[in-house]
Amino acid sequence: MGGVIMHKSHEETALYKCGRYHNRAALVIDQVYAALEERGYDPVAQLVGYLMSGDPTYITSHQEARTLIRSIERDELLSELVRGYLRGRRSHNRTG
């Protein structure tokens, strides 16, 4: 995976440095989600299966989705998903 885990001792917080491709990761996630949905799969379940196992067969080859998802490291995809979730939570908390 593309990230680097950095830490000094057991008592300090480990820092995980993510790569720079989060905008492309978001685009790939959206495209893969749409392809999975078009084929009638549960996109969330299929993406989780891929992210947990690394097995690309969880992703359809429809619309080149399998090739697309493999073009981004799994840690980058996870980083983008967490970023998006947190953005949504912060927006939701501000509005209501």
PDB file of N, CA and C in Angstrom:
ATOM      1  N   MET A   1       0.839  -1.182   0.000  1.00  0.00           N
ATOM      2  CA  MET A   1       0.000   0.000   0.000  1.00  0.00           C
ATOM      3  C   MET A   1       0.877   1.234   0.000  1.00  0.00           C
ATOM      4  N   GLY A   2       0.294   2.386  -0.323  1.00  0.00           N
ATOM      5  CA  GLY A   2       1.088   3.566  -0.549  1.00  0.00           C
ATOM      6  C   GLY A   2       1.429   4.394   0.666  1.00  0.00           C
ATOM      7  N   GLY A   3       0.810   4.154   1.803  1.00  0.00           N
ATOM      8  CA  GLY A   3       1.067   4.974   2.977  1.00  0.00           C
ATOM      9  C   GLY A   3       2.280   4.503   3.747  1.00  0.00           C
ATOM     10  N   VAL A   4       2.736   5.337   4.648  1.00  0.00           N
ATOM     11  CA  VAL A   4       3.885   5.008   5.483  1.00  0.00           C
ATOM     12  C   VAL A   4       3.474   5.214   6.933  1.00  0.00           C
ATOM     13  N   ILE A   5       3.680   4.208   7.759  1.00  0.00           N
ATOM     14  CA  ILE A   5       3.390   4.323   9.181  1.00  0.00           C
ATOM     15  C   ILE A   5       4.678   4.765   9.864  1.00  0.00           C
ATOM     16  N   MET A   6       4.588   5.848  10.626  1.00  0.00           N
ATOM     17  CA  MET A   6       5.757   6.380  11.297  1.00  0.00           C
ATOM     18  C   MET A   6       5.463   6.479  12.790  1.00  0.00           C
ATOM     19  N   HIS A   7       6.371   6.001  13.634  1.00  0.00           N
ATOM     20  CA  HIS A   7       6.213   6.158  15.069  1.00  0.00           C
ATOM     21  C   HIS A   7       7.565   6.057  15.741  1.00  0.00           C
ATOM     22  N   LYS A   8       7.654   6.566  16.985  1.00  0.00           N
ATOM     23  CA  LYS A   8       8.919   6.589  17.708  1.00  0.00           C
ATOM     24  C   LYS A   8       8.957   5.595  18.857  1.00  0.00           C
ATOM     25  N   SER A   9       7.872   5.468  19.595  1.00  0.00           N
ATOM     26  CA  SER A   9       7.861   4.542  20.719  1.00  0.00           C
ATOM     27  C   SER A   9       6.458   4.016  20.929  1.00  0.00           C
ATOM     28  N   HIS A  10       6.335   3.090  21.866  1.00  0.00           N
ATOM     29  CA  HIS A  10       5.029   2.493  22.150  1.00  0.00           C
ATOM     30  C   HIS A  10       4.069   3.486  22.793  1.00  0.00           C
ATOM     31  N   GLU A  11       4.583   4.540  23.394  1.00  0.00           N
ATOM     32  CA  GLU A  11       3.730   5.495  24.103  1.00  0.00           C
ATOM     33  C   GLU A  11       3.292   6.660  23.231  1.00  0.00           C
ATOM     34  N   GLU A  12       3.909   6.859  22.089  1.00  0.00           N
ATOM     35  CA  GLU A  12       3.544   7.960  21.215  1.00  0.00           C
ATOM     36  C   GLU A  12       2.506   7.505  20.194  1.00  0.00           C
ATOM     37  N   THR A  13       1.749   8.450  19.685  1.00  0.00           N
ATOM     38  CA  THR A  13       0.758   8.158  18.655  1.00  0.00           C
ATOM     39  C   THR A  13       1.459   7.901  17.329  1.00  0.00           C
ATOM     40  N   ALA A  14       1.095   6.819  16.673  1.00  0.00           N
ATOM     41  CA  ALA A  14       1.647   6.521  15.363  1.00  0.00           C
ATOM     42  C   ALA A  14       1.016   7.454  14.339  1.00  0.00           C
ATOM     43  N   LEU A  15       1.817   7.953  13.433  1.00  0.00           N
ATOM     44  CA  LEU A  15       1.316   8.820  12.363  1.00  0.00           C
ATOM     45  C   LEU A  15       1.289   8.032  11.064  1.00  0.00           C
ATOM     46  N   TYR A  16       0.197   8.156  10.353  1.00  0.00           N
ATOM     47  CA  TYR A  16       0.076   7.496   9.065  1.00  0.00           C
ATOM     48  C   TYR A  16       0.033   8.574   7.999  1.00  0.00           C
ATOM     49  N   LYS A  17       1.006   8.575   7.120  1.00  0.00           N
ATOM     50  CA  LYS A  17       1.086   9.574   6.056  1.00  0.00           C
ATOM     51  C   LYS A  17       0.403   9.032   4.814  1.00  0.00           C
ATOM     52  N   CYS A  18      -0.650   9.706   4.373  1.00  0.00           N
ATOM     53  CA  CYS A  18      -1.360   9.289   3.178  1.00  0.00           C
ATOM     54  C   CYS A  18      -0.737   9.944   1.953  1.00  0.00           C
ATOM     55  N   GLY A  19      -0.966   9.327   0.828  1.00  0.00           N
ATOM     56  CA  GLY A  19      -0.461   9.869  -0.430  1.00  0.00           C
ATOM     57  C   GLY A  19      -1.235  11.092  -0.868  1.00  0.00           C
ATOM     58  N   ARG A  20      -1.012  11.483  -2.104  1.00  0.00           N
ATOM     59  CA  ARG A  20      -1.559  12.747  -2.604  1.00  0.00           C
ATOM     60  C   ARG A  20      -2.697  12.572  -3.595  1.00  0.00           C
ATOM     61  N   TYR A  21      -3.248  11.377  -3.728  1.00  0.00           N
ATOM     62  CA  TYR A  21      -4.197  11.114  -4.793  1.00  0.00           C
ATOM     63  C   TYR A  21      -5.660  11.109  -4.357  1.00  0.00           C
ATOM     64  N   HIS A  22      -5.996  11.776  -3.272  1.00  0.00           N
ATOM     65  CA  HIS A  22      -7.361  11.646  -2.767  1.00  0.00           C
ATOM     66  C   HIS A  22      -8.422  12.168  -3.736  1.00  0.00           C
ATOM     67  N   ASN A  23      -8.123  13.159  -4.576  1.00  0.00           N
ATOM     68  CA  ASN A  23      -9.130  13.620  -5.531  1.00  0.00           C
ATOM     69  C   ASN A  23      -9.409  12.543  -6.576  1.00  0.00           C
ATOM     70  N   ARG A  24      -8.373  11.894  -7.077  1.00  0.00           N
ATOM     71  CA  ARG A  24      -8.557  10.807  -8.031  1.00  0.00           C
ATOM     72  C   ARG A  24      -9.250   9.636  -7.353  1.00  0.00           C
ATOM     73  N   ALA A  25      -8.940   9.378  -6.104  1.00  0.00           N
ATOM     74  CA  ALA A  25      -9.579   8.290  -5.371  1.00  0.00           C
ATOM     75  C   ALA A  25     -11.083   8.512  -5.294  1.00  0.00           C
ATOM     76  N   ALA A  26     -11.497   9.734  -5.038  1.00  0.00           N
ATOM     77  CA  ALA A  26     -12.930  10.040  -4.959  1.00  0.00           C
ATOM     78  C   ALA A  26     -13.613   9.774  -6.293  1.00  0.00           C
ATOM     79  N   LEU A  27     -12.973  10.165  -7.364  1.00  0.00           N
ATOM     80  CA  LEU A  27     -13.523   9.935  -8.696  1.00  0.00           C
ATOM     81  C   LEU A  27     -13.655   8.437  -8.974  1.00  0.00           C
ATOM     82  N   VAL A  28     -12.639   7.673  -8.650  1.00  0.00           N
ATOM     83  CA  VAL A  28     -12.668   6.228  -8.864  1.00  0.00           C
ATOM     84  C   VAL A  28     -13.767   5.583  -8.023  1.00  0.00           C
ATOM     85  N   ILE A  29     -13.881   5.975  -6.779  1.00  0.00           N
ATOM     86  CA  ILE A  29     -14.939   5.428  -5.915  1.00  0.00           C
ATOM     87  C   ILE A  29     -16.305   5.691  -6.526  1.00  0.00           C
ATOM     88  N   ASP A  30     -16.538   6.903  -6.997  1.00  0.00           N
ATOM     89  CA  ASP A  30     -17.823   7.242  -7.611  1.00  0.00           C
ATOM     90  C   ASP A  30     -18.092   6.409  -8.863  1.00  0.00           C
ATOM     91  N   GLN A  31     -17.079   6.241  -9.704  1.00  0.00           N
ATOM     92  CA  GLN A  31     -17.255   5.478 -10.940  1.00  0.00           C
ATOM     93  C   GLN A  31     -17.487   3.993 -10.657  1.00  0.00           C
ATOM     94  N   VAL A  32     -16.746   3.450  -9.725  1.00  0.00           N
ATOM     95  CA  VAL A  32     -16.901   2.042  -9.375  1.00  0.00           C
ATOM     96  C   VAL A  32     -18.267   1.814  -8.726  1.00  0.00           C
ATOM     97  N   TYR A  33     -18.667   2.721  -7.859  1.00  0.00           N
ATOM     98  CA  TYR A  33     -19.982   2.631  -7.217  1.00  0.00           C
ATOM     99  C   TYR A  33     -21.084   2.571  -8.284  1.00  0.00           C
ATOM    100  N   ALA A  34     -21.003   3.466  -9.262  1.00  0.00           N
ATOM    101  CA  ALA A  34     -22.016   3.513 -10.320  1.00  0.00           C
ATOM    102  C   ALA A  34     -22.030   2.221 -11.134  1.00  0.00           C
ATOM    103  N   ALA A  35     -20.862   1.697 -11.450  1.00  0.00           N
ATOM    104  CA  ALA A  35     -20.789   0.454 -12.230  1.00  0.00           C
ATOM    105  C   ALA A  35     -21.375  -0.715 -11.449  1.00  0.00           C
ATOM    106  N   LEU A  36     -21.073  -0.793 -10.165  1.00  0.00           N
ATOM    107  CA  LEU A  36     -21.634  -1.858  -9.332  1.00  0.00           C
ATOM    108  C   LEU A  36     -23.153  -1.748  -9.262  1.00  0.00           C
ATOM    109  N   GLU A  37     -23.634  -0.537  -9.087  1.00  0.00           N
ATOM    110  CA  GLU A  37     -25.083  -0.300  -9.006  1.00  0.00           C
ATOM    111  C   GLU A  37     -25.761  -0.678 -10.328  1.00  0.00           C
ATOM    112  N   GLU A  38     -25.144  -0.300 -11.447  1.00  0.00           N
ATOM    113  CA  GLU A  38     -25.704  -0.639 -12.770  1.00  0.00           C
ATOM    114  C   GLU A  38     -25.845  -2.144 -12.956  1.00  0.00           C
ATOM    115  N   ARG A  39     -24.940  -2.897 -12.402  1.00  0.00           N
ATOM    116  CA  ARG A  39     -24.965  -4.350 -12.522  1.00  0.00           C
ATOM    117  C   ARG A  39     -25.846  -5.010 -11.465  1.00  0.00           C
ATOM    118  N   GLY A  40     -26.429  -4.222 -10.565  1.00  0.00           N
ATOM    119  CA  GLY A  40     -27.350  -4.772  -9.579  1.00  0.00           C
ATOM    120  C   GLY A  40     -26.707  -5.260  -8.294  1.00  0.00           C
ATOM    121  N   TYR A  41     -25.454  -4.931  -8.087  1.00  0.00           N
ATOM    122  CA  TYR A  41     -24.767  -5.310  -6.847  1.00  0.00           C
ATOM    123  C   TYR A  41     -25.016  -4.275  -5.763  1.00  0.00           C
ATOM    124  N   ASP A  42     -24.805  -4.659  -4.528  1.00  0.00           N
ATOM    125  CA  ASP A  42     -24.810  -3.722  -3.410  1.00  0.00           C
ATOM    126  C   ASP A  42     -23.413  -3.093  -3.381  1.00  0.00           C
ATOM    127  N   PRO A  43     -23.279  -1.841  -3.858  1.00  0.00           N
ATOM    128  CA  PRO A  43     -21.950  -1.233  -3.979  1.00  0.00           C
ATOM    129  C   PRO A  43     -21.181  -1.166  -2.665  1.00  0.00           C
ATOM    130  N   VAL A  44     -21.866  -0.897  -1.571  1.00  0.00           N
ATOM    131  CA  VAL A  44     -21.180  -0.790  -0.283  1.00  0.00           C
ATOM    132  C   VAL A  44     -20.597  -2.145   0.104  1.00  0.00           C
ATOM    133  N   ALA A  45     -21.387  -3.201   0.004  1.00  0.00           N
ATOM    134  CA  ALA A  45     -20.910  -4.534   0.366  1.00  0.00           C
ATOM    135  C   ALA A  45     -19.743  -4.957  -0.520  1.00  0.00           C
ATOM    136  N   GLN A  46     -19.827  -4.680  -1.810  1.00  0.00           N
ATOM    137  CA  GLN A  46     -18.763  -5.075  -2.728  1.00  0.00           C
ATOM    138  C   GLN A  46     -17.479  -4.290  -2.471  1.00  0.00           C
ATOM    139  N   LEU A  47     -17.612  -2.995  -2.217  1.00  0.00           N
ATOM    140  CA  LEU A  47     -16.428  -2.180  -1.910  1.00  0.00           C
ATOM    141  C   LEU A  47     -15.786  -2.616  -0.603  1.00  0.00           C
ATOM    142  N   VAL A  48     -16.598  -2.913   0.395  1.00  0.00           N
ATOM    143  CA  VAL A  48     -16.051  -3.401   1.668  1.00  0.00           C
ATOM    144  C   VAL A  48     -15.317  -4.718   1.447  1.00  0.00           C
ATOM    145  N   GLY A  49     -15.903  -5.616   0.686  1.00  0.00           N
ATOM    146  CA  GLY A  49     -15.249  -6.886   0.390  1.00  0.00           C
ATOM    147  C   GLY A  49     -13.889  -6.678  -0.257  1.00  0.00           C
ATOM    148  N   TYR A  50     -13.836  -5.784  -1.215  1.00  0.00           N
ATOM    149  CA  TYR A  50     -12.566  -5.495  -1.884  1.00  0.00           C
ATOM    150  C   TYR A  50     -11.564  -4.860  -0.926  1.00  0.00           C
ATOM    151  N   LEU A  51     -12.002  -3.864  -0.174  1.00  0.00           N
ATOM    152  CA  LEU A  51     -11.087  -3.153   0.720  1.00  0.00           C
ATOM    153  C   LEU A  51     -10.554  -4.052   1.824  1.00  0.00           C
ATOM    154  N   MET A  52     -11.375  -4.959   2.323  1.00  0.00           N
ATOM    155  CA  MET A  52     -10.944  -5.859   3.392  1.00  0.00           C
ATOM    156  C   MET A  52     -10.016  -6.966   2.881  1.00  0.00           C
ATOM    157  N   SER A  53     -10.297  -7.476   1.692  1.00  0.00           N
ATOM    158  CA  SER A  53      -9.564  -8.647   1.218  1.00  0.00           C
ATOM    159  C   SER A  53      -8.482  -8.339   0.185  1.00  0.00           C
ATOM    160  N   GLY A  54      -8.676  -7.257  -0.559  1.00  0.00           N
ATOM    161  CA  GLY A  54      -7.769  -6.964  -1.665  1.00  0.00           C
ATOM    162  C   GLY A  54      -8.100  -7.772  -2.913  1.00  0.00           C
ATOM    163  N   ASP A  55      -9.160  -8.562  -2.860  1.00  0.00           N
ATOM    164  CA  ASP A  55      -9.553  -9.412  -3.987  1.00  0.00           C
ATOM    165  C   ASP A  55     -10.359  -8.592  -4.999  1.00  0.00           C
ATOM    166  N   PRO A  56      -9.809  -8.330  -6.179  1.00  0.00           N
ATOM    167  CA  PRO A  56     -10.494  -7.485  -7.158  1.00  0.00           C
ATOM    168  C   PRO A  56     -11.758  -8.113  -7.740  1.00  0.00           C
ATOM    169  N   THR A  57     -11.989  -9.408  -7.509  1.00  0.00           N
ATOM    170  CA  THR A  57     -13.203 -10.015  -8.053  1.00  0.00           C
ATOM    171  C   THR A  57     -14.468  -9.534  -7.347  1.00  0.00           C
ATOM    172  N   TYR A  58     -14.317  -8.818  -6.250  1.00  0.00           N
ATOM    173  CA  TYR A  58     -15.487  -8.182  -5.624  1.00  0.00           C
ATOM    174  C   TYR A  58     -16.024  -7.038  -6.486  1.00  0.00           C
ATOM    175  N   ILE A  59     -15.208  -6.561  -7.406  1.00  0.00           N
ATOM    176  CA  ILE A  59     -15.567  -5.422  -8.242  1.00  0.00           C
ATOM    177  C   ILE A  59     -15.853  -5.904  -9.662  1.00  0.00           C
ATOM    178  N   THR A  60     -16.958  -5.466 -10.214  1.00  0.00           N
ATOM    179  CA  THR A  60     -17.335  -5.837 -11.575  1.00  0.00           C
ATOM    180  C   THR A  60     -16.325  -5.281 -12.580  1.00  0.00           C
ATOM    181  N   SER A  61     -16.214  -5.972 -13.696  1.00  0.00           N
ATOM    182  CA  SER A  61     -15.385  -5.445 -14.780  1.00  0.00           C
ATOM    183  C   SER A  61     -16.177  -4.491 -15.673  1.00  0.00           C
ATOM    184  N   HIS A  62     -17.479  -4.393 -15.436  1.00  0.00           N
ATOM    185  CA  HIS A  62     -18.353  -3.475 -16.174  1.00  0.00           C
ATOM    186  C   HIS A  62     -17.813  -2.042 -16.062  1.00  0.00           C
ATOM    187  N   GLN A  63     -17.787  -1.346 -17.177  1.00  0.00           N
ATOM    188  CA  GLN A  63     -17.301   0.043 -17.229  1.00  0.00           C
ATOM    189  C   GLN A  63     -15.841   0.170 -16.764  1.00  0.00           C
ATOM    190  N   GLU A  64     -15.075  -0.919 -16.891  1.00  0.00           N
ATOM    191  CA  GLU A  64     -13.657  -0.921 -16.488  1.00  0.00           C
ATOM    192  C   GLU A  64     -13.470  -0.658 -14.985  1.00  0.00           C
ATOM    193  N   ALA A  65     -14.509  -0.944 -14.208  1.00  0.00           N
ATOM    194  CA  ALA A  65     -14.460  -0.649 -12.766  1.00  0.00           C
ATOM    195  C   ALA A  65     -13.336  -1.399 -12.063  1.00  0.00           C
ATOM    196  N   ARG A  66     -13.112  -2.650 -12.418  1.00  0.00           N
ATOM    197  CA  ARG A  66     -12.070  -3.437 -11.760  1.00  0.00           C
ATOM    198  C   ARG A  66     -10.682  -2.854 -12.057  1.00  0.00           C
ATOM    199  N   THR A  67     -10.462  -2.446 -13.278  1.00  0.00           N
ATOM    200  CA  THR A  67      -9.187  -1.816 -13.641  1.00  0.00           C
ATOM    201  C   THR A  67      -9.022  -0.493 -12.904  1.00  0.00           C
ATOM    202  N   LEU A  68     -10.093   0.288 -12.841  1.00  0.00           N
ATOM    203  CA  LEU A  68     -10.049   1.585 -12.149  1.00  0.00           C
ATOM    204  C   LEU A  68      -9.706   1.424 -10.671  1.00  0.00           C
ATOM    205  N   ILE A  69     -10.400   0.510 -10.001  1.00  0.00           N
ATOM    206  CA  ILE A  69     -10.200   0.373  -8.551  1.00  0.00           C
ATOM    207  C   ILE A  69      -8.776  -0.085  -8.252  1.00  0.00           C
ATOM    208  N   ARG A  70      -8.209  -0.887  -9.135  1.00  0.00           N
ATOM    209  CA  ARG A  70      -6.845  -1.368  -8.912  1.00  0.00           C
ATOM    210  C   ARG A  70      -5.797  -0.304  -9.223  1.00  0.00           C
ATOM    211  N   SER A  71      -6.202   0.805  -9.836  1.00  0.00           N
ATOM    212  CA  SER A  71      -5.254   1.875 -10.153  1.00  0.00           C
ATOM    213  C   SER A  71      -4.974   2.768  -8.943  1.00  0.00           C
ATOM    214  N   ILE A  72      -5.722   2.573  -7.859  1.00  0.00           N
ATOM    215  CA  ILE A  72      -5.554   3.352  -6.631  1.00  0.00           C
ATOM    216  C   ILE A  72      -5.235   2.375  -5.501  1.00  0.00           C
ATOM    217  N   GLU A  73      -4.265   2.699  -4.697  1.00  0.00           N
ATOM    218  CA  GLU A  73      -3.928   1.859  -3.540  1.00  0.00           C
ATOM    219  C   GLU A  73      -5.119   1.809  -2.585  1.00  0.00           C
ATOM    220  N   ARG A  74      -5.315   0.668  -1.936  1.00  0.00           N
ATOM    221  CA  ARG A  74      -6.450   0.517  -1.016  1.00  0.00           C
ATOM    222  C   ARG A  74      -6.390   1.511   0.133  1.00  0.00           C
ATOM    223  N   ASP A  75      -5.197   1.843   0.629  1.00  0.00           N
ATOM    224  CA  ASP A  75      -5.118   2.821   1.715  1.00  0.00           C
ATOM    225  C   ASP A  75      -5.570   4.201   1.247  1.00  0.00           C
ATOM    226  N   GLU A  76      -5.344   4.528  -0.012  1.00  0.00           N
ATOM    227  CA  GLU A  76      -5.809   5.804  -0.559  1.00  0.00           C
ATOM    228  C   GLU A  76      -7.341   5.810  -0.642  1.00  0.00           C
ATOM    229  N   LEU A  77      -7.918   4.699  -1.059  1.00  0.00           N
ATOM    230  CA  LEU A  77      -9.378   4.599  -1.125  1.00  0.00           C
ATOM    231  C   LEU A  77      -9.984   4.738   0.269  1.00  0.00           C
ATOM    232  N   LEU A  78      -9.402   4.039   1.229  1.00  0.00           N
ATOM    233  CA  LEU A  78      -9.892   4.136   2.607  1.00  0.00           C
ATOM    234  C   LEU A  78      -9.758   5.562   3.144  1.00  0.00           C
ATOM    235  N   SER A  79      -8.644   6.195   2.859  1.00  0.00           N
ATOM    236  CA  SER A  79      -8.445   7.581   3.312  1.00  0.00           C
ATOM    237  C   SER A  79      -9.518   8.493   2.748  1.00  0.00           C
ATOM    238  N   GLU A  80      -9.829   8.330   1.480  1.00  0.00           N
ATOM    239  CA  GLU A  80     -10.851   9.170   0.863  1.00  0.00           C
ATOM    240  C   GLU A  80     -12.229   8.889   1.456  1.00  0.00           C
ATOM    241  N   LEU A  81     -12.526   7.635   1.719  1.00  0.00           N
ATOM    242  CA  LEU A  81     -13.812   7.298   2.330  1.00  0.00           C
ATOM    243  C   LEU A  81     -13.938   7.898   3.728  1.00  0.00           C
ATOM    244  N   VAL A  82     -12.891   7.834   4.513  1.00  0.00           N
ATOM    245  CA  VAL A  82     -12.909   8.427   5.857  1.00  0.00           C
ATOM    246  C   VAL A  82     -13.040   9.944   5.751  1.00  0.00           C
ATOM    247  N   ARG A  83     -12.273  10.544   4.837  1.00  0.00           N
ATOM    248  CA  ARG A  83     -12.351  11.998   4.639  1.00  0.00           C
ATOM    249  C   ARG A  83     -13.777  12.419   4.285  1.00  0.00           C
ATOM    250  N   GLY A  84     -14.375  11.693   3.337  1.00  0.00           N
ATOM    251  CA  GLY A  84     -15.742  12.005   2.918  1.00  0.00           C
ATOM    252  C   GLY A  84     -16.743  11.836   4.048  1.00  0.00           C
ATOM    253  N   TYR A  85     -16.576  10.786   4.816  1.00  0.00           N
ATOM    254  CA  TYR A  85     -17.465  10.549   5.954  1.00  0.00           C
ATOM    255  C   TYR A  85     -17.360  11.693   6.963  1.00  0.00           C
ATOM    256  N   LEU A  86     -16.138  12.064   7.287  1.00  0.00           N
ATOM    257  CA  LEU A  86     -15.938  13.134   8.274  1.00  0.00           C
ATOM    258  C   LEU A  86     -16.438  14.472   7.767  1.00  0.00           C
ATOM    259  N   ARG A  87     -16.248  14.748   6.488  1.00  0.00           N
ATOM    260  CA  ARG A  87     -16.800  15.990   5.905  1.00  0.00           C
ATOM    261  C   ARG A  87     -18.311  16.000   6.058  1.00  0.00           C
ATOM    262  N   GLY A  88     -18.930  14.865   5.754  1.00  0.00           N
ATOM    263  CA  GLY A  88     -20.384  14.755   5.873  1.00  0.00           C
ATOM    264  C   GLY A  88     -20.854  14.920   7.310  1.00  0.00           C
ATOM    265  N   ARG A  89     -20.143  14.333   8.253  1.00  0.00           N
ATOM    266  CA  ARG A  89     -20.506  14.457   9.672  1.00  0.00           C
ATOM    267  C   ARG A  89     -20.392  15.903  10.137  1.00  0.00           C
ATOM    268  N   ARG A  90     -19.313  16.565   9.729  1.00  0.00           N
ATOM    269  CA  ARG A  90     -19.133  17.960  10.134  1.00  0.00           C
ATOM    270  C   ARG A  90     -20.211  18.850   9.540  1.00  0.00           C
ATOM    271  N   SER A  91     -20.561  18.609   8.274  1.00  0.00           N
ATOM    272  CA  SER A  91     -21.622  19.380   7.622  1.00  0.00           C
ATOM    273  C   SER A  91     -22.949  19.141   8.309  1.00  0.00           C
ATOM    274  N   HIS A  92     -23.223  17.893   8.638  1.00  0.00           N
ATOM    275  CA  HIS A  92     -24.472  17.541   9.296  1.00  0.00           C
ATOM    276  C   HIS A  92     -24.561  18.192  10.684  1.00  0.00           C
ATOM    277  N   ASN A  93     -23.463  18.180  11.428  1.00  0.00           N
ATOM    278  CA  ASN A  93     -23.455  18.767  12.764  1.00  0.00           C
ATOM    279  C   ASN A  93     -23.623  20.281  12.725  1.00  0.00           C
ATOM    280  N   ARG A  94     -23.137  20.924  11.687  1.00  0.00           N
ATOM    281  CA  ARG A  94     -23.293  22.380  11.564  1.00  0.00           C
ATOM    282  C   ARG A  94     -24.707  22.787  11.221  1.00  0.00           C
ATOM    283  N   THR A  95     -25.390  21.946  10.419  1.00  0.00           N
ATOM    284  CA  THR A  95     -26.727  22.304   9.953  1.00  0.00           C
ATOM    285  C   THR A  95     -27.824  21.805  10.858  1.00  0.00           C
ATOM    286  N   GLY A  96     -27.498  20.913  11.751  1.00  0.00           N
ATOM    287  CA  GLY A  96     -28.592  20.561  12.522  1.00  0.00           C
ATOM    288  C   GLY A  96     -28.659  19.526  13.458  1.00  0.00           C
TER     289      GLY A  96
END
